[in-house]
Amino acid sequence: MPAITSANVAQAIVKLVAADALPSLMGNLVMGNLVNRDFEPTLAQAGDTVNVPIPPTLVANNIAEGGTVVTQNPSLGNAQIVLNTHAEATFQIPDVTKVLAVPDLLRLYMQPAVTALAEKIESDLLALYSQLTANAPIGTAGTSLTEAVIDAAETKLFDAKVPASASKFLVVSGEAYSQLRQILRFSEYRTAGEAGLRALVDGSVGKMKDFFVFRSQFVSKTGSGPVTTNNIAFAKDALGLVVRRLPQPLLGTGAIAEYAELGNFGMRVVMSYQPDTLAQQFTVDILYGTGVLRNGHGVQVKS
């Protein structure tokens, strides 16, 4: 059994903080859990560019009896996502031993830091609505969402050849979500069955017009008189979130780092001592980039 030293105790503290950080972050994400995150969490630096290959388009040719095949030379598409956001949240704990003795105290410190990172990621992903230019926006600024608008958004994605097997999502503001809950055909048991009952009693829209409907407090709003709420309808491959591992601090600098990673999503937790305040400082940080992968697989839905 290894001896208990100040070094491995310090490492254990950072591991404890890291283990508690990621589940809290994932629980605060909406968009971050819906977009494409299928990228390896390798080491990287801020400013690096990640190239995301996009499958090419091929056409079917009718080959006559005795004929020959038509060779196609498709070019692999490429979307680039720049790792241009290094977000961090830092806090200090005067007596770190209390955190080890009372785990709930750790969550009290961690939750605001993790929530701040989640809000930053959420805002950046929802701001991508302006880059979804392949499909014309649906809906009217300052006007409530209607069944016809949601239907038109789903038709846009169908016409863009989004696979029928692909999950489609509609992320709207709190106000727009409320508007959807008041569409009579979807909020009454007699017309929508159990789904209508859930909308009426539990307040959950669930699924509408083949969209899984979510709400977020960070849907972008622009303009004035009327304000445009920029909701987004999309399939998973429309948008990408790339997260890369940040390097370990230099040895001998007094800082200890651990990684918390789950499903191509991760962050770094760094602990260091601050002599000015006689406290342990914790920094939770993440390096990521966001971007549009398949432009035709998303559409702006105005309200």
Protein backbone atom coordinates (compact mmCIF):
# COMPACT_ATOMS: atom_id res chain seq x y z
CA MET A 1 0.00 0.00 0.00
CA PRO A 2 1.54 3.35 -1.01
CA ALA A 3 2.34 5.84 1.72
CA ILE A 4 0.03 8.81 2.20
CA THR A 5 1.90 11.96 1.24
CA SER A 6 0.97 15.56 0.64
CA ALA A 7 1.53 14.98 -3.09
CA ASN A 8 -0.94 12.12 -3.51
CA VAL A 9 -3.45 13.78 -1.18
CA ALA A 10 -3.32 16.90 -3.39
CA GLN A 11 -3.77 14.74 -6.49
CA ALA A 12 -6.75 13.02 -4.85
CA ILE A 13 -8.37 16.39 -4.14
CA VAL A 14 -8.10 17.45 -7.78
CA LYS A 15 -9.49 14.08 -8.93
CA LEU A 16 -12.42 14.52 -6.58
CA VAL A 17 -13.17 17.98 -7.97
CA ALA A 18 -12.79 16.78 -11.58
CA ALA A 19 -15.07 13.79 -11.03
CA ASP A 20 -17.79 16.08 -9.69
CA ALA A 21 -17.41 18.71 -12.41
CA LEU A 22 -18.31 16.90 -15.63
CA PRO A 23 -21.69 15.39 -14.65
CA SER A 24 -22.75 18.82 -13.46
CA LEU A 25 -21.68 20.40 -16.75
CA MET A 26 -23.46 17.82 -18.90
CA GLY A 27 -26.63 18.29 -16.89
CA ASN A 28 -26.62 22.02 -17.63
CA LEU A 29 -26.20 21.66 -21.40
CA VAL A 30 -28.97 21.54 -23.98
CA MET A 31 -27.30 22.27 -27.32
CA GLY A 32 -24.02 20.70 -26.24
CA ASN A 33 -25.79 17.37 -25.85
CA LEU A 34 -27.54 17.56 -29.24
CA VAL A 35 -24.87 18.62 -31.75
CA ASN A 36 -22.12 16.49 -33.30
CA ARG A 37 -19.26 15.90 -30.86
CA ASP A 38 -17.66 12.91 -32.61
CA PHE A 39 -14.09 14.16 -32.39
CA GLU A 40 -11.11 12.76 -30.52
CA PRO A 41 -10.18 14.68 -27.32
CA THR A 42 -6.50 15.03 -28.26
CA LEU A 43 -4.13 17.67 -26.93
CA ALA A 44 -4.36 21.03 -28.68
CA GLN A 45 -3.69 24.72 -28.28
CA ALA A 46 -5.99 27.71 -28.66
CA GLY A 47 -6.20 28.79 -32.28
CA ASP A 48 -5.74 25.31 -33.77
CA THR A 49 -8.04 24.32 -36.64
CA VAL A 50 -9.86 20.99 -36.73
CA ASN A 51 -10.77 19.65 -40.17
CA VAL A 52 -14.04 17.72 -40.20
CA PRO A 53 -14.56 15.53 -43.31
CA ILE A 54 -18.00 15.61 -44.91
CA PRO A 55 -19.14 12.70 -47.14
CA PRO A 56 -19.30 13.54 -50.86
CA THR A 57 -22.38 13.34 -53.07
CA LEU A 58 -22.60 10.54 -55.64
CA VAL A 59 -25.18 9.95 -58.38
CA ALA A 60 -26.67 6.67 -59.58
CA ASN A 61 -26.16 5.75 -63.22
CA ASN A 62 -28.22 3.28 -65.24
CA ILE A 63 -25.86 0.75 -66.75
CA ALA A 64 -27.12 -0.89 -69.92
CA GLU A 65 -26.48 -4.56 -70.68
CA GLY A 66 -22.95 -4.90 -71.89
CA GLY A 67 -22.17 -1.34 -70.83
CA THR A 68 -19.50 -0.06 -68.45
CA VAL A 69 -19.66 1.71 -65.14
CA VAL A 70 -19.26 5.46 -64.92
CA THR A 71 -16.39 6.28 -62.61
CA GLN A 72 -17.02 9.24 -60.37
CA ASN A 73 -14.34 11.33 -58.74
CA PRO A 74 -16.07 12.90 -55.77
CA SER A 75 -14.23 15.38 -53.63
CA LEU A 76 -14.47 14.91 -49.90
CA GLY A 77 -16.12 17.91 -48.29
CA ASN A 78 -14.43 19.65 -45.43
CA ALA A 79 -15.67 21.84 -42.61
CA GLN A 80 -13.22 23.68 -40.42
CA ILE A 81 -13.77 24.45 -36.77
CA VAL A 82 -11.31 26.76 -35.05
CA LEU A 83 -10.54 26.19 -31.38
CA ASN A 84 -11.03 29.85 -30.60
CA THR A 85 -12.62 29.69 -27.15
CA HIS A 86 -10.69 28.95 -23.97
CA ALA A 87 -13.31 29.37 -21.29
CA GLU A 88 -12.50 29.21 -17.59
CA ALA A 89 -14.12 29.66 -14.20
CA THR A 90 -11.93 30.08 -11.15
CA PHE A 91 -12.75 29.99 -7.46
CA GLN A 92 -10.87 29.69 -4.17
CA ILE A 93 -11.46 27.45 -1.17
CA PRO A 94 -9.88 28.68 2.09
CA ASP A 95 -10.00 25.30 3.86
CA VAL A 96 -9.86 22.51 1.29
CA THR A 97 -9.91 19.79 3.97
CA LYS A 98 -13.52 20.69 4.72
CA VAL A 99 -14.39 19.86 1.14
CA LEU A 100 -13.00 16.34 1.57
CA ALA A 101 -15.02 15.88 4.75
CA VAL A 102 -18.26 17.34 3.37
CA PRO A 103 -18.81 16.42 -0.33
CA ASP A 104 -21.91 18.61 -0.54
CA LEU A 105 -19.70 21.61 0.17
CA LEU A 106 -17.67 20.77 -2.93
CA ARG A 107 -20.82 20.86 -5.06
CA LEU A 108 -21.66 24.24 -3.56
CA TYR A 109 -18.36 25.59 -4.88
CA MET A 110 -18.38 23.69 -8.17
CA GLN A 111 -21.91 24.35 -9.38
CA PRO A 112 -21.52 28.08 -10.18
CA ALA A 113 -18.24 27.47 -12.01
CA VAL A 114 -19.63 24.62 -14.08
CA THR A 115 -22.85 26.49 -14.82
CA ALA A 116 -20.84 29.45 -16.12
CA LEU A 117 -18.99 27.21 -18.59
CA ALA A 118 -22.21 25.53 -19.71
CA GLU A 119 -23.85 28.90 -20.36
CA LYS A 120 -20.88 30.02 -22.46
CA ILE A 121 -20.96 26.88 -24.61
CA GLU A 122 -24.74 27.08 -24.96
CA SER A 123 -24.64 30.72 -26.09
CA ASP A 124 -21.92 30.06 -28.67
CA LEU A 125 -23.79 27.12 -30.21
CA LEU A 126 -27.09 28.99 -30.39
CA ALA A 127 -25.34 31.97 -32.00
CA LEU A 128 -24.62 29.76 -35.03
CA TYR A 129 -28.18 30.38 -36.26
CA SER A 130 -26.87 33.24 -38.46
CA GLN A 131 -24.57 30.82 -40.33
CA LEU A 132 -27.43 28.50 -41.33
CA THR A 133 -27.85 30.11 -44.73
CA ALA A 134 -28.59 27.13 -47.00
CA ASN A 135 -32.29 27.25 -46.06
CA ALA A 136 -34.35 30.44 -45.93
CA PRO A 137 -35.50 31.34 -42.39
CA ILE A 138 -38.96 30.17 -41.34
CA GLY A 139 -41.43 32.20 -39.29
CA THR A 140 -41.92 35.90 -38.61
CA ALA A 141 -40.19 38.10 -36.06
CA GLY A 142 -42.36 39.04 -33.09
CA THR A 143 -45.02 36.46 -34.03
CA SER A 144 -45.97 33.36 -32.06
CA LEU A 145 -44.83 29.99 -33.37
CA THR A 146 -47.60 28.03 -35.04
CA GLU A 147 -48.10 24.48 -36.19
CA ALA A 148 -47.65 25.63 -39.79
CA VAL A 149 -44.24 27.17 -39.00
CA ILE A 150 -42.98 23.98 -37.34
CA ASP A 151 -44.35 21.94 -40.23
CA ALA A 152 -42.53 24.17 -42.73
CA ALA A 153 -39.24 23.80 -40.83
CA GLU A 154 -39.50 20.01 -40.90
CA THR A 155 -40.30 20.13 -44.63
CA LYS A 156 -37.18 22.25 -45.22
CA LEU A 157 -35.00 19.59 -43.62
CA PHE A 158 -36.77 16.84 -45.57
CA ASP A 159 -36.13 18.70 -48.84
CA ALA A 160 -32.48 19.06 -47.78
CA LYS A 161 -32.32 15.23 -47.70
CA VAL A 162 -31.79 14.88 -43.99
CA PRO A 163 -32.02 11.09 -43.48
CA ALA A 164 -35.34 9.92 -42.08
CA SER A 165 -33.44 7.96 -39.43
CA ALA A 166 -31.65 11.09 -38.16
CA SER A 167 -33.04 12.70 -35.02
CA LYS A 168 -34.24 16.25 -35.57
CA PHE A 169 -34.28 18.90 -32.85
CA LEU A 170 -36.04 22.19 -32.31
CA VAL A 171 -34.46 24.45 -29.68
CA VAL A 172 -36.56 27.48 -28.79
CA SER A 173 -36.73 30.24 -26.20
CA GLY A 174 -38.89 29.98 -23.09
CA GLU A 175 -41.51 32.24 -24.65
CA ALA A 176 -41.62 30.23 -27.88
CA TYR A 177 -41.87 26.99 -25.89
CA SER A 178 -44.87 28.45 -24.08
CA GLN A 179 -46.45 29.29 -27.44
CA LEU A 180 -46.03 25.69 -28.58
CA ARG A 181 -47.68 24.38 -25.42
CA GLN A 182 -50.75 26.45 -26.22
CA ILE A 183 -51.34 25.03 -29.70
CA LEU A 184 -54.67 23.30 -29.01
CA ARG A 185 -54.15 20.24 -31.17
CA PHE A 186 -50.98 19.35 -29.27
CA SER A 187 -52.00 20.29 -25.74
CA GLU A 188 -55.29 18.46 -25.35
CA TYR A 189 -55.76 14.78 -24.47
CA ARG A 190 -58.67 14.43 -26.89
CA THR A 191 -56.51 15.42 -29.88
CA ALA A 192 -52.97 14.37 -28.92
CA GLY A 193 -53.52 11.59 -26.39
CA GLU A 194 -50.83 11.08 -23.74
CA ALA A 195 -48.54 13.64 -25.42
CA GLY A 196 -51.23 16.29 -25.05
CA LEU A 197 -51.73 15.34 -21.41
CA ARG A 198 -48.01 15.75 -20.73
CA ALA A 199 -48.01 19.16 -22.39
CA LEU A 200 -51.06 20.23 -20.40
CA VAL A 201 -50.13 18.80 -16.99
CA ASP A 202 -46.34 18.40 -16.96
CA GLY A 203 -45.60 21.32 -19.29
CA SER A 204 -43.49 19.11 -21.58
CA VAL A 205 -43.91 19.48 -25.34
CA GLY A 206 -41.84 16.37 -26.06
CA LYS A 207 -42.04 15.74 -29.79
CA MET A 208 -43.81 17.74 -32.47
CA LYS A 209 -43.74 17.31 -36.25
CA ASP A 210 -40.83 14.84 -35.89
CA PHE A 211 -38.82 17.35 -33.82
CA PHE A 212 -37.66 16.69 -30.30
CA VAL A 213 -38.44 20.06 -28.73
CA PHE A 214 -36.16 21.67 -26.14
CA ARG A 215 -36.05 25.12 -24.61
CA SER A 216 -33.03 27.18 -23.67
CA GLN A 217 -32.60 30.50 -21.89
CA PHE A 218 -29.78 31.37 -24.29
CA VAL A 219 -31.60 31.42 -27.62
CA SER A 220 -30.32 34.55 -29.37
CA LYS A 221 -32.60 37.58 -29.60
CA THR A 222 -31.83 40.43 -31.97
CA GLY A 223 -33.28 43.74 -33.09
CA SER A 224 -36.01 45.82 -31.52
CA GLY A 225 -39.63 46.57 -32.28
CA PRO A 226 -40.23 43.69 -32.82
CA VAL A 227 -37.46 41.60 -31.26
CA THR A 228 -36.48 38.58 -33.36
CA THR A 229 -36.12 35.33 -31.43
CA ASN A 230 -33.72 33.12 -33.39
CA ASN A 231 -34.83 29.57 -32.64
CA ILE A 232 -33.06 26.71 -34.43
CA ALA A 233 -34.34 23.52 -36.07
CA PHE A 234 -31.59 21.09 -37.02
CA ALA A 235 -30.28 17.56 -37.34
CA LYS A 236 -27.25 16.48 -35.32
CA ASP A 237 -24.76 16.85 -38.18
CA ALA A 238 -25.76 20.45 -38.87
CA LEU A 239 -23.60 21.81 -36.05
CA GLY A 240 -20.38 20.69 -34.44
CA LEU A 241 -18.73 21.19 -31.08
CA VAL A 242 -15.05 20.24 -30.92
CA VAL A 243 -13.40 19.94 -27.51
CA ARG A 244 -9.67 19.42 -27.15
CA ARG A 245 -7.53 18.52 -24.16
CA LEU A 246 -5.47 21.33 -22.68
CA PRO A 247 -1.89 20.43 -21.71
CA GLN A 248 -0.76 19.71 -18.17
CA PRO A 249 0.90 22.57 -16.24
CA LEU A 250 4.70 22.58 -16.18
CA LEU A 251 6.21 20.37 -13.50
CA GLY A 252 7.49 22.23 -10.50
CA THR A 253 5.16 25.19 -10.88
CA GLY A 254 3.01 24.13 -7.94
CA ALA A 255 -0.09 23.41 -10.01
CA ILE A 256 -1.82 20.02 -10.27
CA ALA A 257 -4.26 19.17 -13.05
CA GLU A 258 -6.74 16.40 -13.76
CA TYR A 259 -9.05 15.77 -16.71
CA ALA A 260 -12.75 15.00 -16.60
CA GLU A 261 -13.93 13.44 -19.85
CA LEU A 262 -17.13 11.76 -21.03
CA GLY A 263 -18.40 11.12 -24.54
CA ASN A 264 -15.88 13.34 -26.40
CA PHE A 265 -16.54 16.11 -23.95
CA GLY A 266 -14.02 17.10 -21.33
CA MET A 267 -12.46 19.78 -19.21
CA ARG A 268 -9.37 20.37 -17.15
CA VAL A 269 -9.33 21.09 -13.41
CA VAL A 270 -6.23 22.85 -12.08
CA MET A 271 -5.45 23.33 -8.38
CA SER A 272 -2.80 25.76 -7.18
CA TYR A 273 -1.94 27.56 -3.96
CA GLN A 274 -2.43 31.33 -3.70
CA PRO A 275 -0.12 32.76 -1.01
CA ASP A 276 -1.81 36.18 -1.11
CA THR A 277 -5.09 34.74 0.15
CA LEU A 278 -3.74 31.58 1.84
CA ALA A 279 -6.28 29.55 -0.12
CA GLN A 280 -6.37 26.77 -2.68
CA GLN A 281 -7.39 28.04 -6.10
CA PHE A 282 -9.31 25.85 -8.53
CA THR A 283 -9.64 26.65 -12.23
CA VAL A 284 -12.07 24.69 -14.36
CA ASP A 285 -11.34 25.36 -18.02
CA ILE A 286 -12.17 24.01 -21.45
CA LEU A 287 -10.83 24.61 -24.96
CA TYR A 288 -13.44 24.30 -27.69
CA GLY A 289 -14.69 25.54 -31.02
CA THR A 290 -18.13 25.57 -32.64
CA GLY A 291 -19.16 25.64 -36.26
CA VAL A 292 -21.59 24.62 -38.99
CA LEU A 293 -20.87 21.21 -40.51
CA ARG A 294 -23.80 20.58 -42.88
CA ASN A 295 -25.46 23.89 -43.65
CA GLY A 296 -28.52 22.37 -45.28
CA HIS A 297 -29.34 20.32 -42.19
CA GLY A 298 -30.38 23.34 -40.14
CA VAL A 299 -32.81 26.22 -40.43
CA GLN A 300 -33.49 29.38 -38.45
CA VAL A 301 -37.01 29.54 -37.01
CA LYS A 302 -38.01 33.11 -36.19
CA SER A 303 -40.61 34.12 -33.64
